[in-house]
Every structure is written in structure tokens, then in C-alpha cells.
Amino acid sequence: MWQNLDTLMLAVNVKAVWLRRTATRVAFLASDEAAYVTGGVDTVDGGALA
């Protein structure tokens, strides 16, 4: 399936970074620090729309 080990490692790393950023954002929104966040769109897409 994976022709190149470097390609596999890159794919795994990208997924890990995305999961870490998403988890960090969810943790913030669940914390007391986000008490004043009252609405809006919070895009977590790994910079795809940047």
C-alpha cells in the first residue's frame, strides 16, 4: 500500500499534528478561559483555508 516509508511517516505526522491541534482547541473551549466566548465559527482545519 505505502510505496515509501517517508510518505507513511509524513502522513502519520500530519494526522498527529491535526489531532493535537483539535484536542487543544476542544480543551480550551471546555475550560473556564473560554467563558466569554459567546459564538462564532472556529475553523480547525490545519490551515487548509488559510
N, C-alpha and C. Protein backbone atom coordinates (compact mmCIF):
# COMPACT_ATOMS: atom_id res chain seq x y z
N MET A 1 0.82 -1.19 0.00
CA MET A 1 0.00 0.00 0.00
C MET A 1 0.87 1.26 0.00
N TRP A 2 1.74 1.39 0.97
CA TRP A 2 2.64 2.55 1.02
C TRP A 2 3.91 2.21 0.27
N GLN A 3 4.20 2.94 -0.76
CA GLN A 3 5.37 2.68 -1.58
C GLN A 3 6.64 3.18 -0.92
N ASN A 4 6.50 4.14 -0.03
CA ASN A 4 7.67 4.79 0.52
C ASN A 4 7.45 5.01 2.01
N LEU A 5 8.39 4.62 2.81
CA LEU A 5 8.29 4.79 4.25
C LEU A 5 8.22 6.26 4.63
N ASP A 6 8.90 7.13 3.90
CA ASP A 6 8.85 8.57 4.19
C ASP A 6 7.43 9.12 3.99
N THR A 7 6.74 8.63 2.98
CA THR A 7 5.37 9.06 2.73
C THR A 7 4.47 8.64 3.88
N LEU A 8 4.64 7.44 4.37
CA LEU A 8 3.87 6.94 5.51
C LEU A 8 4.15 7.79 6.74
N MET A 9 5.42 8.05 7.00
CA MET A 9 5.77 8.83 8.19
C MET A 9 5.19 10.24 8.11
N LEU A 10 5.20 10.84 6.94
CA LEU A 10 4.63 12.18 6.76
C LEU A 10 3.13 12.15 7.02
N ALA A 11 2.45 11.16 6.51
CA ALA A 11 1.00 11.05 6.70
C ALA A 11 0.66 10.88 8.18
N VAL A 12 1.42 10.07 8.88
CA VAL A 12 1.19 9.85 10.31
C VAL A 12 1.46 11.13 11.08
N ASN A 13 2.51 11.85 10.73
CA ASN A 13 2.85 13.09 11.41
C ASN A 13 1.78 14.15 11.19
N VAL A 14 1.28 14.28 9.98
CA VAL A 14 0.23 15.26 9.68
C VAL A 14 -1.01 14.96 10.50
N LYS A 15 -1.38 13.70 10.58
CA LYS A 15 -2.56 13.30 11.36
C LYS A 15 -2.35 13.60 12.84
N ALA A 16 -1.16 13.33 13.35
CA ALA A 16 -0.87 13.58 14.77
C ALA A 16 -0.94 15.07 15.08
N VAL A 17 -0.41 15.90 14.20
CA VAL A 17 -0.47 17.35 14.40
C VAL A 17 -1.91 17.83 14.38
N TRP A 18 -2.71 17.34 13.43
CA TRP A 18 -4.11 17.72 13.35
C TRP A 18 -4.86 17.32 14.62
N LEU A 19 -4.64 16.11 15.11
CA LEU A 19 -5.31 15.65 16.32
C LEU A 19 -4.90 16.48 17.53
N ARG A 20 -3.62 16.82 17.63
CA ARG A 20 -3.14 17.62 18.76
C ARG A 20 -3.75 19.01 18.73
N ARG A 21 -3.81 19.64 17.57
CA ARG A 21 -4.39 20.98 17.46
C ARG A 21 -5.88 20.96 17.75
N THR A 22 -6.57 19.94 17.26
CA THR A 22 -8.00 19.83 17.52
C THR A 22 -8.27 19.60 19.00
N ALA A 23 -7.51 18.72 19.62
CA ALA A 23 -7.68 18.44 21.05
C ALA A 23 -7.39 19.68 21.88
N THR A 24 -6.38 20.45 21.50
CA THR A 24 -6.05 21.68 22.22
C THR A 24 -7.20 22.67 22.14
N ARG A 25 -7.79 22.80 20.96
CA ARG A 25 -8.90 23.74 20.78
C ARG A 25 -10.12 23.30 21.57
N VAL A 26 -10.43 22.02 21.56
CA VAL A 26 -11.56 21.50 22.32
C VAL A 26 -11.33 21.71 23.81
N ALA A 27 -10.11 21.45 24.28
CA ALA A 27 -9.80 21.66 25.70
C ALA A 27 -9.98 23.12 26.10
N PHE A 28 -9.56 24.04 25.23
CA PHE A 28 -9.75 25.46 25.52
C PHE A 28 -11.24 25.79 25.62
N LEU A 29 -12.01 25.34 24.65
CA LEU A 29 -13.43 25.67 24.64
C LEU A 29 -14.17 25.07 25.83
N ALA A 30 -13.66 23.99 26.39
CA ALA A 30 -14.27 23.37 27.56
C ALA A 30 -13.78 23.97 28.87
N SER A 31 -12.80 24.85 28.80
CA SER A 31 -12.20 25.41 30.01
C SER A 31 -12.92 26.69 30.45
N ASP A 32 -12.59 27.12 31.67
CA ASP A 32 -13.12 28.38 32.19
C ASP A 32 -12.61 29.58 31.41
N GLU A 33 -11.46 29.45 30.78
CA GLU A 33 -10.90 30.56 30.00
C GLU A 33 -11.79 30.94 28.82
N ALA A 34 -12.62 30.03 28.37
CA ALA A 34 -13.50 30.30 27.23
C ALA A 34 -14.88 30.77 27.67
N ALA A 35 -15.00 31.20 28.92
CA ALA A 35 -16.30 31.59 29.45
C ALA A 35 -16.92 32.75 28.68
N TYR A 36 -16.10 33.61 28.09
CA TYR A 36 -16.63 34.77 27.38
C TYR A 36 -16.77 34.55 25.88
N VAL A 37 -16.52 33.34 25.42
CA VAL A 37 -16.74 33.02 24.01
C VAL A 37 -18.23 32.75 23.87
N THR A 38 -18.92 33.62 23.13
CA THR A 38 -20.38 33.52 23.06
C THR A 38 -20.90 33.09 21.70
N GLY A 39 -20.02 32.92 20.76
CA GLY A 39 -20.48 32.46 19.45
C GLY A 39 -19.44 32.73 18.40
N GLY A 40 -19.68 32.20 17.25
CA GLY A 40 -18.76 32.41 16.15
C GLY A 40 -18.38 31.08 15.52
N VAL A 41 -17.61 31.18 14.48
CA VAL A 41 -17.14 30.00 13.77
C VAL A 41 -15.68 29.81 14.10
N ASP A 42 -15.35 28.66 14.58
CA ASP A 42 -13.98 28.34 14.94
C ASP A 42 -13.51 27.22 14.03
N THR A 43 -12.80 27.57 12.98
CA THR A 43 -12.36 26.59 11.99
C THR A 43 -11.08 25.92 12.45
N VAL A 44 -11.12 24.61 12.56
CA VAL A 44 -9.94 23.82 12.88
C VAL A 44 -9.71 22.89 11.71
N ASP A 45 -8.89 23.35 10.77
CA ASP A 45 -8.69 22.59 9.54
C ASP A 45 -7.22 22.40 9.20
N GLY A 46 -6.36 22.68 10.15
CA GLY A 46 -4.93 22.52 9.90
C GLY A 46 -4.36 23.53 8.94
N GLY A 47 -5.04 24.64 8.76
CA GLY A 47 -4.55 25.68 7.87
C GLY A 47 -4.96 25.52 6.42
N ALA A 48 -5.86 24.60 6.14
CA ALA A 48 -6.27 24.35 4.76
C ALA A 48 -6.96 25.56 4.14
N LEU A 49 -7.65 26.35 4.93
CA LEU A 49 -8.35 27.52 4.41
C LEU A 49 -7.54 28.79 4.52
N ALA A 50 -6.34 28.70 5.08
CA ALA A 50 -5.51 29.89 5.28
C ALA A 50 -4.94 30.40 3.98
